[in-house]
PDB file of N, CA and C in Angstrom:
ATOM      1  N   MET A   1      -7.451 -24.425   2.844  1.00  0.00           N
ATOM      2  CA  MET A   1      -6.227 -25.012   3.377  1.00  0.00           C
ATOM      3  C   MET A   1      -5.163 -25.152   2.292  1.00  0.00           C
ATOM      4  N   ASP A   2      -5.587 -25.447   1.064  1.00  0.00           N
ATOM      5  CA  ASP A   2      -4.629 -25.616  -0.017  1.00  0.00           C
ATOM      6  C   ASP A   2      -3.854 -24.337  -0.286  1.00  0.00           C
ATOM      7  N   ASP A   3      -4.563 -23.181  -0.260  1.00  0.00           N
ATOM      8  CA  ASP A   3      -3.879 -21.907  -0.462  1.00  0.00           C
ATOM      9  C   ASP A   3      -2.859 -21.650   0.635  1.00  0.00           C
ATOM     10  N   ILE A   4      -3.227 -21.971   1.867  1.00  0.00           N
ATOM     11  CA  ILE A   4      -2.291 -21.777   2.986  1.00  0.00           C
ATOM     12  C   ILE A   4      -1.055 -22.642   2.772  1.00  0.00           C
ATOM     13  N   SER A   5      -1.259 -23.907   2.438  1.00  0.00           N
ATOM     14  CA  SER A   5      -0.124 -24.813   2.221  1.00  0.00           C
ATOM     15  C   SER A   5       0.765 -24.340   1.074  1.00  0.00           C
ATOM     16  N   GLU A   6       0.137 -23.937  -0.002  1.00  0.00           N
ATOM     17  CA  GLU A   6       0.894 -23.477  -1.169  1.00  0.00           C
ATOM     18  C   GLU A   6       1.681 -22.199  -0.839  1.00  0.00           C
ATOM     19  N   ASN A   7       1.000 -21.239  -0.207  1.00  0.00           N
ATOM     20  CA  ASN A   7       1.674 -19.988   0.165  1.00  0.00           C
ATOM     21  C   ASN A   7       2.754 -20.227   1.220  1.00  0.00           C
ATOM     22  N   TRP A   8       2.501 -21.160   2.141  1.00  0.00           N
ATOM     23  CA  TRP A   8       3.496 -21.478   3.169  1.00  0.00           C
ATOM     24  C   TRP A   8       4.745 -22.052   2.506  1.00  0.00           C
ATOM     25  N   ASN A   9       4.568 -22.949   1.562  1.00  0.00           N
ATOM     26  CA  ASN A   9       5.715 -23.527   0.849  1.00  0.00           C
ATOM     27  C   ASN A   9       6.486 -22.448   0.098  1.00  0.00           C
ATOM     28  N   THR A  10       5.772 -21.502  -0.497  1.00  0.00           N
ATOM     29  CA  THR A  10       6.420 -20.390  -1.196  1.00  0.00           C
ATOM     30  C   THR A  10       7.237 -19.555  -0.217  1.00  0.00           C
ATOM     31  N   LEU A  11       6.648 -19.251   0.938  1.00  0.00           N
ATOM     32  CA  LEU A  11       7.368 -18.480   1.951  1.00  0.00           C
ATOM     33  C   LEU A  11       8.615 -19.226   2.410  1.00  0.00           C
ATOM     34  N   GLU A  12       8.470 -20.506   2.696  1.00  0.00           N
ATOM     35  CA  GLU A  12       9.634 -21.295   3.119  1.00  0.00           C
ATOM     36  C   GLU A  12      10.731 -21.273   2.055  1.00  0.00           C
ATOM     37  N   ASP A  13      10.366 -21.408   0.788  1.00  0.00           N
ATOM     38  CA  ASP A  13      11.346 -21.372  -0.299  1.00  0.00           C
ATOM     39  C   ASP A  13      12.080 -20.027  -0.326  1.00  0.00           C
ATOM     40  N   LYS A  14      11.336 -18.932  -0.159  1.00  0.00           N
ATOM     41  CA  LYS A  14      11.961 -17.608  -0.177  1.00  0.00           C
ATOM     42  C   LYS A  14      12.886 -17.417   1.025  1.00  0.00           C
ATOM     43  N   LEU A  15      12.464 -17.931   2.181  1.00  0.00           N
ATOM     44  CA  LEU A  15      13.311 -17.813   3.368  1.00  0.00           C
ATOM     45  C   LEU A  15      14.576 -18.666   3.232  1.00  0.00           C
ATOM     46  N   VAL A  16      14.448 -19.823   2.622  1.00  0.00           N
ATOM     47  CA  VAL A  16      15.627 -20.663   2.383  1.00  0.00           C
ATOM     48  C   VAL A  16      16.620 -19.923   1.492  1.00  0.00           C
ATOM     49  N   LYS A  17      16.120 -19.250   0.456  1.00  0.00           N
ATOM     50  CA  LYS A  17      16.997 -18.501  -0.448  1.00  0.00           C
ATOM     51  C   LYS A  17      17.709 -17.374   0.289  1.00  0.00           C
ATOM     52  N   ARG A  18      17.015 -16.730   1.227  1.00  0.00           N
ATOM     53  CA  ARG A  18      17.608 -15.605   1.960  1.00  0.00           C
ATOM     54  C   ARG A  18      18.491 -16.050   3.116  1.00  0.00           C
ATOM     55  N   LEU A  19      18.122 -17.165   3.769  1.00  0.00           N
ATOM     56  CA  LEU A  19      18.824 -17.578   4.985  1.00  0.00           C
ATOM     57  C   LEU A  19      19.778 -18.749   4.775  1.00  0.00           C
ATOM     58  N   GLY A  20      19.595 -19.461   3.691  1.00  0.00           N
ATOM     59  CA  GLY A  20      20.456 -20.615   3.436  1.00  0.00           C
ATOM     60  C   GLY A  20      19.953 -21.900   4.071  1.00  0.00           C
ATOM     61  N   ARG A  21      18.859 -21.810   4.836  1.00  0.00           N
ATOM     62  CA  ARG A  21      18.254 -23.006   5.413  1.00  0.00           C
ATOM     63  C   ARG A  21      16.801 -22.713   5.747  1.00  0.00           C
ATOM     64  N   LYS A  22      16.036 -23.783   5.921  1.00  0.00           N
ATOM     65  CA  LYS A  22      14.608 -23.633   6.191  1.00  0.00           C
ATOM     66  C   LYS A  22      14.392 -23.443   7.692  1.00  0.00           C
ATOM     67  N   PRO A  23      13.835 -22.294   8.088  1.00  0.00           N
ATOM     68  CA  PRO A  23      13.586 -22.083   9.509  1.00  0.00           C
ATOM     69  C   PRO A  23      12.319 -22.808   9.969  1.00  0.00           C
ATOM     70  N   ASN A  24      12.320 -23.234  11.232  1.00  0.00           N
ATOM     71  CA  ASN A  24      11.099 -23.806  11.795  1.00  0.00           C
ATOM     72  C   ASN A  24      10.194 -22.662  12.259  1.00  0.00           C
ATOM     73  N   MET A  25       9.056 -22.996  12.848  1.00  0.00           N
ATOM     74  CA  MET A  25       8.094 -21.979  13.268  1.00  0.00           C
ATOM     75  C   MET A  25       8.723 -21.005  14.264  1.00  0.00           C
ATOM     76  N   GLU A  26       9.473 -21.513  15.239  1.00  0.00           N
ATOM     77  CA  GLU A  26      10.132 -20.624  16.210  1.00  0.00           C
ATOM     78  C   GLU A  26      11.127 -19.709  15.519  1.00  0.00           C
ATOM     79  N   GLY A  27      11.831 -20.236  14.545  1.00  0.00           N
ATOM     80  CA  GLY A  27      12.784 -19.426  13.792  1.00  0.00           C
ATOM     81  C   GLY A  27      12.104 -18.301  13.034  1.00  0.00           C
ATOM     82  N   ILE A  28      10.945 -18.592  12.463  1.00  0.00           N
ATOM     83  CA  ILE A  28      10.198 -17.561  11.734  1.00  0.00           C
ATOM     84  C   ILE A  28       9.686 -16.507  12.704  1.00  0.00           C
ATOM     85  N   LEU A  29       9.176 -16.931  13.862  1.00  0.00           N
ATOM     86  CA  LEU A  29       8.717 -15.976  14.873  1.00  0.00           C
ATOM     87  C   LEU A  29       9.878 -15.111  15.357  1.00  0.00           C
ATOM     88  N   MET A  30      11.054 -15.721  15.490  1.00  0.00           N
ATOM     89  CA  MET A  30      12.234 -14.962  15.907  1.00  0.00           C
ATOM     90  C   MET A  30      12.620 -13.944  14.831  1.00  0.00           C
ATOM     91  N   LEU A  31      12.523 -14.320  13.566  1.00  0.00           N
ATOM     92  CA  LEU A  31      12.800 -13.383  12.464  1.00  0.00           C
ATOM     93  C   LEU A  31      11.863 -12.176  12.524  1.00  0.00           C
ATOM     94  N   ILE A  32      10.593 -12.436  12.796  1.00  0.00           N
ATOM     95  CA  ILE A  32       9.627 -11.345  12.907  1.00  0.00           C
ATOM     96  C   ILE A  32      10.008 -10.454  14.080  1.00  0.00           C
ATOM     97  N   GLY A  33      10.358 -11.065  15.211  1.00  0.00           N
ATOM     98  CA  GLY A  33      10.791 -10.299  16.377  1.00  0.00           C
ATOM     99  C   GLY A  33      12.007  -9.449  16.069  1.00  0.00           C
ATOM    100  N   LEU A  34      12.974 -10.024  15.368  1.00  0.00           N
ATOM    101  CA  LEU A  34      14.177  -9.278  14.981  1.00  0.00           C
ATOM    102  C   LEU A  34      13.827  -8.087  14.108  1.00  0.00           C
ATOM    103  N   GLN A  35      12.939  -8.312  13.169  1.00  0.00           N
ATOM    104  CA  GLN A  35      12.532  -7.228  12.269  1.00  0.00           C
ATOM    105  C   GLN A  35      11.838  -6.119  13.055  1.00  0.00           C
ATOM    106  N   GLU A  36      11.074  -6.486  14.059  1.00  0.00           N
ATOM    107  CA  GLU A  36      10.325  -5.501  14.834  1.00  0.00           C
ATOM    108  C   GLU A  36      11.205  -4.679  15.771  1.00  0.00           C
ATOM    109  N   ILE A  37      12.298  -5.260  16.255  1.00  0.00           N
ATOM    110  CA  ILE A  37      13.165  -4.481  17.146  1.00  0.00           C
ATOM    111  C   ILE A  37      14.240  -3.738  16.369  1.00  0.00           C
ATOM    112  N   SER A  38      14.390  -4.055  15.104  1.00  0.00           N
ATOM    113  CA  SER A  38      15.360  -3.371  14.234  1.00  0.00           C
ATOM    114  C   SER A  38      16.748  -3.321  14.857  1.00  0.00           C
ATOM    115  N   SER A  39      17.219  -4.450  15.301  1.00  0.00           N
ATOM    116  CA  SER A  39      18.532  -4.511  15.932  1.00  0.00           C
ATOM    117  C   SER A  39      19.583  -5.006  14.949  1.00  0.00           C
ATOM    118  N   SER A  40      20.769  -4.463  15.065  1.00  0.00           N
ATOM    119  CA  SER A  40      21.877  -4.944  14.244  1.00  0.00           C
ATOM    120  C   SER A  40      22.691  -5.992  15.006  1.00  0.00           C
ATOM    121  N   LYS A  41      22.264  -6.284  16.207  1.00  0.00           N
ATOM    122  CA  LYS A  41      22.933  -7.294  17.040  1.00  0.00           C
ATOM    123  C   LYS A  41      22.851  -8.650  16.345  1.00  0.00           C
ATOM    124  N   ILE A  42      23.917  -9.427  16.435  1.00  0.00           N
ATOM    125  CA  ILE A  42      23.970 -10.721  15.749  1.00  0.00           C
ATOM    126  C   ILE A  42      23.759 -11.885  16.712  1.00  0.00           C
ATOM    127  N   HIS A  43      24.333 -11.785  17.896  1.00  0.00           N
ATOM    128  CA  HIS A  43      24.252 -12.873  18.865  1.00  0.00           C
ATOM    129  C   HIS A  43      23.301 -12.505  19.993  1.00  0.00           C
ATOM    130  N   PHE A  44      22.410 -13.441  20.320  1.00  0.00           N
ATOM    131  CA  PHE A  44      21.438 -13.233  21.371  1.00  0.00           C
ATOM    132  C   PHE A  44      21.529 -14.366  22.379  1.00  0.00           C
ATOM    133  N   THR A  45      21.258 -14.047  23.631  1.00  0.00           N
ATOM    134  CA  THR A  45      21.212 -15.075  24.657  1.00  0.00           C
ATOM    135  C   THR A  45      19.960 -15.918  24.456  1.00  0.00           C
ATOM    136  N   LYS A  46      19.898 -17.034  25.160  1.00  0.00           N
ATOM    137  CA  LYS A  46      18.711 -17.889  25.077  1.00  0.00           C
ATOM    138  C   LYS A  46      17.467 -17.104  25.508  1.00  0.00           C
ATOM    139  N   GLU A  47      17.594 -16.317  26.558  1.00  0.00           N
ATOM    140  CA  GLU A  47      16.468 -15.513  27.039  1.00  0.00           C
ATOM    141  C   GLU A  47      16.049 -14.472  26.003  1.00  0.00           C
ATOM    142  N   GLU A  48      17.027 -13.831  25.360  1.00  0.00           N
ATOM    143  CA  GLU A  48      16.715 -12.847  24.323  1.00  0.00           C
ATOM    144  C   GLU A  48      16.025 -13.500  23.129  1.00  0.00           C
ATOM    145  N   LYS A  49      16.440 -14.719  22.788  1.00  0.00           N
ATOM    146  CA  LYS A  49      15.795 -15.441  21.687  1.00  0.00           C
ATOM    147  C   LYS A  49      14.337 -15.734  22.036  1.00  0.00           C
ATOM    148  N   GLN A  50      14.088 -16.120  23.298  1.00  0.00           N
ATOM    149  CA  GLN A  50      12.712 -16.351  23.739  1.00  0.00           C
ATOM    150  C   GLN A  50      11.920 -15.050  23.679  1.00  0.00           C
ATOM    151  N   ASP A  51      12.551 -13.950  24.061  1.00  0.00           N
ATOM    152  CA  ASP A  51      11.898 -12.642  23.991  1.00  0.00           C
ATOM    153  C   ASP A  51      11.591 -12.258  22.547  1.00  0.00           C
ATOM    154  N   LEU A  52      12.493 -12.575  21.615  1.00  0.00           N
ATOM    155  CA  LEU A  52      12.256 -12.287  20.198  1.00  0.00           C
ATOM    156  C   LEU A  52      11.053 -13.079  19.674  1.00  0.00           C
ATOM    157  N   ILE A  53      10.947 -14.342  20.087  1.00  0.00           N
ATOM    158  CA  ILE A  53       9.804 -15.166  19.693  1.00  0.00           C
ATOM    159  C   ILE A  53       8.519 -14.555  20.251  1.00  0.00           C
ATOM    160  N   HIS A  54       8.581 -14.075  21.491  1.00  0.00           N
ATOM    161  CA  HIS A  54       7.428 -13.418  22.113  1.00  0.00           C
ATOM    162  C   HIS A  54       7.034 -12.156  21.336  1.00  0.00           C
ATOM    163  N   VAL A  55       8.027 -11.344  20.978  1.00  0.00           N
ATOM    164  CA  VAL A  55       7.757 -10.127  20.196  1.00  0.00           C
ATOM    165  C   VAL A  55       7.137 -10.503  18.849  1.00  0.00           C
ATOM    166  N   GLY A  56       7.678 -11.529  18.204  1.00  0.00           N
ATOM    167  CA  GLY A  56       7.124 -11.974  16.923  1.00  0.00           C
ATOM    168  C   GLY A  56       5.685 -12.432  17.055  1.00  0.00           C
ATOM    169  N   THR A  57       5.404 -13.220  18.078  1.00  0.00           N
ATOM    170  CA  THR A  57       4.049 -13.720  18.299  1.00  0.00           C
ATOM    171  C   THR A  57       3.088 -12.576  18.597  1.00  0.00           C
ATOM    172  N   CYS A  58       3.476 -11.681  19.501  1.00  0.00           N
ATOM    173  CA  CYS A  58       2.611 -10.546  19.847  1.00  0.00           C
ATOM    174  C   CYS A  58       2.394  -9.625  18.651  1.00  0.00           C
ATOM    175  N   THR A  59       3.414  -9.467  17.816  1.00  0.00           N
ATOM    176  CA  THR A  59       3.279  -8.644  16.610  1.00  0.00           C
ATOM    177  C   THR A  59       2.215  -9.232  15.697  1.00  0.00           C
ATOM    178  N   LEU A  60       2.243 -10.555  15.522  1.00  0.00           N
ATOM    179  CA  LEU A  60       1.241 -11.214  14.684  1.00  0.00           C
ATOM    180  C   LEU A  60      -0.150 -11.051  15.275  1.00  0.00           C
ATOM    181  N   LEU A  61      -0.264 -11.233  16.591  1.00  0.00           N
ATOM    182  CA  LEU A  61      -1.568 -11.113  17.239  1.00  0.00           C
ATOM    183  C   LEU A  61      -2.057  -9.667  17.255  1.00  0.00           C
ATOM    184  N   ALA A  62      -1.131  -8.725  17.234  1.00  0.00           N
ATOM    185  CA  ALA A  62      -1.510  -7.306  17.169  1.00  0.00           C
ATOM    186  C   ALA A  62      -2.157  -6.979  15.826  1.00  0.00           C
ATOM    187  N   GLN A  63      -1.736  -7.673  14.758  1.00  0.00           N
ATOM    188  CA  GLN A  63      -2.354  -7.488  13.432  1.00  0.00           C
ATOM    189  C   GLN A  63      -3.852  -7.752  13.491  1.00  0.00           C
ATOM    190  N   GLU A  64      -4.253  -8.647  14.397  1.00  0.00           N
ATOM    191  CA  GLU A  64      -5.653  -9.056  14.514  1.00  0.00           C
ATOM    192  C   GLU A  64      -6.373  -8.370  15.674  1.00  0.00           C
ATOM    193  N   GLY A  65      -5.683  -7.454  16.352  1.00  0.00           N
ATOM    194  CA  GLY A  65      -6.316  -6.701  17.429  1.00  0.00           C
ATOM    195  C   GLY A  65      -6.319  -7.380  18.787  1.00  0.00           C
ATOM    196  N   TYR A  66      -5.549  -8.445  18.950  1.00  0.00           N
ATOM    197  CA  TYR A  66      -5.496  -9.133  20.239  1.00  0.00           C
ATOM    198  C   TYR A  66      -4.502  -8.471  21.196  1.00  0.00           C
ATOM    199  N   TYR A  67      -3.495  -7.846  20.645  1.00  0.00           N
ATOM    200  CA  TYR A  67      -2.482  -7.138  21.432  1.00  0.00           C
ATOM    201  C   TYR A  67      -2.275  -5.771  20.812  1.00  0.00           C
ATOM    202  N   ARG A  68      -1.668  -4.884  21.581  1.00  0.00           N
ATOM    203  CA  ARG A  68      -1.245  -3.595  21.047  1.00  0.00           C
ATOM    204  C   ARG A  68       0.061  -3.210  21.720  1.00  0.00           C
ATOM    205  N   VAL A  69       0.852  -2.438  21.011  1.00  0.00           N
ATOM    206  CA  VAL A  69       2.103  -1.936  21.576  1.00  0.00           C
ATOM    207  C   VAL A  69       1.750  -0.760  22.475  1.00  0.00           C
ATOM    208  N   VAL A  70       2.226  -0.826  23.716  1.00  0.00           N
ATOM    209  CA  VAL A  70       1.943   0.264  24.662  1.00  0.00           C
ATOM    210  C   VAL A  70       3.153   1.163  24.872  1.00  0.00           C
ATOM    211  N   SER A  71       4.344   0.633  24.616  1.00  0.00           N
ATOM    212  CA  SER A  71       5.560   1.433  24.762  1.00  0.00           C
ATOM    213  C   SER A  71       6.735   0.645  24.200  1.00  0.00           C
ATOM    214  N   LYS A  72       7.885   1.281  24.251  1.00  0.00           N
ATOM    215  CA  LYS A  72       9.135   0.591  23.927  1.00  0.00           C
ATOM    216  C   LYS A  72      10.058   0.767  25.123  1.00  0.00           C
ATOM    217  N   ASP A  73      10.816  -0.286  25.436  1.00  0.00           N
ATOM    218  CA  ASP A  73      11.727  -0.171  26.568  1.00  0.00           C
ATOM    219  C   ASP A  73      12.984   0.603  26.156  1.00  0.00           C
ATOM    220  N   LYS A  74      13.911   0.744  27.087  1.00  0.00           N
ATOM    221  CA  LYS A  74      15.109   1.557  26.829  1.00  0.00           C
ATOM    222  C   LYS A  74      15.957   1.014  25.677  1.00  0.00           C
ATOM    223  N   ASP A  75      15.803  -0.278  25.368  1.00  0.00           N
ATOM    224  CA  ASP A  75      16.560  -0.882  24.270  1.00  0.00           C
ATOM    225  C   ASP A  75      15.785  -0.889  22.950  1.00  0.00           C
ATOM    226  N   GLY A  76      14.583  -0.309  22.964  1.00  0.00           N
ATOM    227  CA  GLY A  76      13.786  -0.240  21.747  1.00  0.00           C
ATOM    228  C   GLY A  76      12.892  -1.444  21.502  1.00  0.00           C
ATOM    229  N   TRP A  77      12.781  -2.323  22.486  1.00  0.00           N
ATOM    230  CA  TRP A  77      11.929  -3.500  22.334  1.00  0.00           C
ATOM    231  C   TRP A  77      10.485  -3.107  22.642  1.00  0.00           C
ATOM    232  N   PRO A  78       9.533  -3.494  21.790  1.00  0.00           N
ATOM    233  CA  PRO A  78       8.134  -3.146  22.042  1.00  0.00           C
ATOM    234  C   PRO A  78       7.585  -3.889  23.254  1.00  0.00           C
ATOM    235  N   GLN A  79       6.739  -3.197  23.996  1.00  0.00           N
ATOM    236  CA  GLN A  79       6.044  -3.772  25.140  1.00  0.00           C
ATOM    237  C   GLN A  79       4.568  -3.871  24.749  1.00  0.00           C
ATOM    238  N   PHE A  80       3.999  -5.052  24.877  1.00  0.00           N
ATOM    239  CA  PHE A  80       2.638  -5.311  24.416  1.00  0.00           C
ATOM    240  C   PHE A  80       1.666  -5.442  25.577  1.00  0.00           C
ATOM    241  N   GLN A  81       0.415  -5.139  25.266  1.00  0.00           N
ATOM    242  CA  GLN A  81      -0.676  -5.338  26.207  1.00  0.00           C
ATOM    243  C   GLN A  81      -1.763  -6.116  25.484  1.00  0.00           C
ATOM    244  N   GLN A  82      -2.293  -7.143  26.146  1.00  0.00           N
ATOM    245  CA  GLN A  82      -3.383  -7.900  25.551  1.00  0.00           C
ATOM    246  C   GLN A  82      -4.651  -7.058  25.607  1.00  0.00           C
ATOM    247  N   VAL A  83      -5.361  -7.006  24.480  1.00  0.00           N
ATOM    248  CA  VAL A  83      -6.551  -6.177  24.353  1.00  0.00           C
ATOM    249  C   VAL A  83      -7.820  -7.017  24.459  1.00  0.00           C
ATOM    250  N   LYS A  84      -7.783  -8.215  23.892  1.00  0.00           N
ATOM    251  CA  LYS A  84      -8.943  -9.107  23.955  1.00  0.00           C
ATOM    252  C   LYS A  84      -8.460 -10.545  24.054  1.00  0.00           C
ATOM    253  N   PRO A  85      -9.307 -11.421  24.562  1.00  0.00           N
ATOM    254  CA  PRO A  85      -8.883 -12.817  24.731  1.00  0.00           C
ATOM    255  C   PRO A  85      -8.642 -13.517  23.392  1.00  0.00           C
ATOM    256  N   ILE A  86      -7.686 -14.402  23.417  1.00  0.00           N
ATOM    257  CA  ILE A  86      -7.374 -15.202  22.227  1.00  0.00           C
ATOM    258  C   ILE A  86      -8.344 -16.385  22.199  1.00  0.00           C
ATOM    259  N   PRO A  87      -8.934 -16.658  21.042  1.00  0.00           N
ATOM    260  CA  PRO A  87      -9.905 -17.761  20.971  1.00  0.00           C
ATOM    261  C   PRO A  87      -9.255 -19.110  21.319  1.00  0.00           C
ATOM    262  N   GLU A  88     -10.032 -19.954  21.939  1.00  0.00           N
ATOM    263  CA  GLU A  88      -9.548 -21.301  22.246  1.00  0.00           C
ATOM    264  C   GLU A  88      -9.587 -22.140  20.975  1.00  0.00           C
ATOM    265  N   MET A  89      -8.518 -22.905  20.777  1.00  0.00           N
ATOM    266  CA  MET A  89      -8.451 -23.796  19.622  1.00  0.00           C
ATOM    267  C   MET A  89      -7.462 -24.907  19.915  1.00  0.00           C
ATOM    268  N   ASP A  90      -7.598 -25.990  19.184  1.00  0.00           N
ATOM    269  CA  ASP A  90      -6.670 -27.102  19.380  1.00  0.00           C
ATOM    270  C   ASP A  90      -5.353 -26.808  18.652  1.00  0.00           C
ATOM    271  N   ALA A  91      -4.386 -27.693  18.833  1.00  0.00           N
ATOM    272  CA  ALA A  91      -3.041 -27.461  18.287  1.00  0.00           C
ATOM    273  C   ALA A  91      -3.047 -27.312  16.766  1.00  0.00           C
ATOM    274  N   ALA A  92      -3.843 -28.128  16.083  1.00  0.00           N
ATOM    275  CA  ALA A  92      -3.899 -28.046  14.615  1.00  0.00           C
ATOM    276  C   ALA A  92      -4.486 -26.710  14.172  1.00  0.00           C
ATOM    277  N   GLN A  93      -5.542 -26.267  14.842  1.00  0.00           N
ATOM    278  CA  GLN A  93      -6.146 -24.975  14.510  1.00  0.00           C
ATOM    279  C   GLN A  93      -5.178 -23.833  14.795  1.00  0.00           C
ATOM    280  N   GLN A  94      -4.442 -23.934  15.912  1.00  0.00           N
ATOM    281  CA  GLN A  94      -3.457 -22.907  16.255  1.00  0.00           C
ATOM    282  C   GLN A  94      -2.386 -22.804  15.185  1.00  0.00           C
ATOM    283  N   GLU A  95      -1.922 -23.944  14.700  1.00  0.00           N
ATOM    284  CA  GLU A  95      -0.878 -23.936  13.675  1.00  0.00           C
ATOM    285  C   GLU A  95      -1.367 -23.277  12.392  1.00  0.00           C
ATOM    286  N   ILE A  96      -2.573 -23.604  11.977  1.00  0.00           N
ATOM    287  CA  ILE A  96      -3.131 -22.996  10.755  1.00  0.00           C
ATOM    288  C   ILE A  96      -3.296 -21.490  10.952  1.00  0.00           C
ATOM    289  N   TRP A  97      -3.817 -21.098  12.120  1.00  0.00           N
ATOM    290  CA  TRP A  97      -4.022 -19.683  12.407  1.00  0.00           C
ATOM    291  C   TRP A  97      -2.693 -18.934  12.406  1.00  0.00           C
ATOM    292  N   LEU A  98      -1.698 -19.516  13.079  1.00  0.00           N
ATOM    293  CA  LEU A  98      -0.376 -18.884  13.135  1.00  0.00           C
ATOM    294  C   LEU A  98       0.238 -18.771  11.741  1.00  0.00           C
ATOM    295  N   LYS A  99       0.120 -19.819  10.946  1.00  0.00           N
ATOM    296  CA  LYS A  99       0.641 -19.769   9.578  1.00  0.00           C
ATOM    297  C   LYS A  99      -0.060 -18.676   8.768  1.00  0.00           C
ATOM    298  N   THR A 100      -1.370 -18.541   8.950  1.00  0.00           N
ATOM    299  CA  THR A 100      -2.123 -17.504   8.247  1.00  0.00           C
ATOM    300  C   THR A 100      -1.630 -16.118   8.647  1.00  0.00           C
ATOM    301  N   LEU A 101      -1.401 -15.912   9.940  1.00  0.00           N
ATOM    302  CA  LEU A 101      -0.900 -14.620  10.424  1.00  0.00           C
ATOM    303  C   LEU A 101       0.505 -14.342   9.894  1.00  0.00           C
ATOM    304  N   ILE A 102       1.346 -15.363   9.857  1.00  0.00           N
ATOM    305  CA  ILE A 102       2.710 -15.211   9.343  1.00  0.00           C
ATOM    306  C   ILE A 102       2.659 -14.869   7.849  1.00  0.00           C
ATOM    307  N   LEU A 103       1.813 -15.554   7.111  1.00  0.00           N
ATOM    308  CA  LEU A 103       1.692 -15.270   5.678  1.00  0.00           C
ATOM    309  C   LEU A 103       1.225 -13.837   5.448  1.00  0.00           C
ATOM    310  N   HIS A 104       0.310 -13.371   6.260  1.00  0.00           N
ATOM    311  CA  HIS A 104      -0.143 -11.983   6.147  1.00  0.00           C
ATOM    312  C   HIS A 104       1.018 -11.026   6.432  1.00  0.00           C
ATOM    313  N   TYR A 105       1.800 -11.322   7.460  1.00  0.00           N
ATOM    314  CA  TYR A 105       2.940 -10.477   7.825  1.00  0.00           C
ATOM    315  C   TYR A 105       3.962 -10.411   6.684  1.00  0.00           C
ATOM    316  N   PHE A 106       4.214 -11.544   6.057  1.00  0.00           N
ATOM    317  CA  PHE A 106       5.228 -11.614   4.999  1.00  0.00           C
ATOM    318  C   PHE A 106       4.650 -11.393   3.596  1.00  0.00           C
ATOM    319  N   GLN A 107       3.428 -10.901   3.498  1.00  0.00           N
ATOM    320  CA  GLN A 107       2.800 -10.697   2.185  1.00  0.00           C
ATOM    321  C   GLN A 107       3.676  -9.902   1.217  1.00  0.00           C
ATOM    322  N   PRO A 108       4.307  -8.800   1.652  1.00  0.00           N
ATOM    323  CA  PRO A 108       5.174  -8.075   0.703  1.00  0.00           C
ATOM    324  C   PRO A 108       6.317  -8.940   0.145  1.00  0.00           C
ATOM    325  N   LEU A 109       6.876  -9.797   0.990  1.00  0.00           N
ATOM    326  CA  LEU A 109       7.936 -10.703   0.524  1.00  0.00           C
ATOM    327  C   LEU A 109       7.382 -11.716  -0.472  1.00  0.00           C
ATOM    328  N   LEU A 110       6.200 -12.205  -0.200  1.00  0.00           N
ATOM    329  CA  LEU A 110       5.584 -13.201  -1.090  1.00  0.00           C
ATOM    330  C   LEU A 110       5.249 -12.595  -2.450  1.00  0.00           C
ATOM    331  N   GLU A 111       4.914 -11.317  -2.470  1.00  0.00           N
ATOM    332  CA  GLU A 111       4.562 -10.667  -3.723  1.00  0.00           C
ATOM    333  C   GLU A 111       5.784 -10.266  -4.531  1.00  0.00           C
ATOM    334  N   LYS A 112       6.927 -10.154  -3.855  1.00  0.00           N
ATOM    335  CA  LYS A 112       8.166  -9.724  -4.517  1.00  0.00           C
ATOM    336  C   LYS A 112       8.720 -10.881  -5.350  1.00  0.00           C
ATOM    337  N   GLN A 113       9.080 -10.588  -6.565  1.00  0.00           N
ATOM    338  CA  GLN A 113       9.696 -11.571  -7.433  1.00  0.00           C
ATOM    339  C   GLN A 113      11.179 -11.669  -7.103  1.00  0.00           C
ATOM    340  N   VAL A 114      11.632 -12.882  -6.793  1.00  0.00           N
ATOM    341  CA  VAL A 114      13.056 -13.081  -6.460  1.00  0.00           C
ATOM    342  C   VAL A 114      13.690 -13.928  -7.515  1.00  0.00           C
TER     343      VAL A 114
END
């Protein structure tokens, strides 16, 4: 747990330097979604923001084999299919698991010296 906390703090510090503020968990998931759709669009509707969070979450779960990309829609957004059930866990376990997946996703950023 200590490594997760330490690495999470490092990630937050790097994101603050890049974004000018500390994003919450939804903000980080949205960043992952944005990176995955490779859009230059700046403003998103509330529904699009929810979709970006969904893309970010599915992208993280795809790293572990729970989802896979089956296609991209006409706008280039990935469409996911669940491959296996997600393990049941309480809220604290979910948060640790999600943080671990996010840290894995951002590993290249964490290794980069800024």
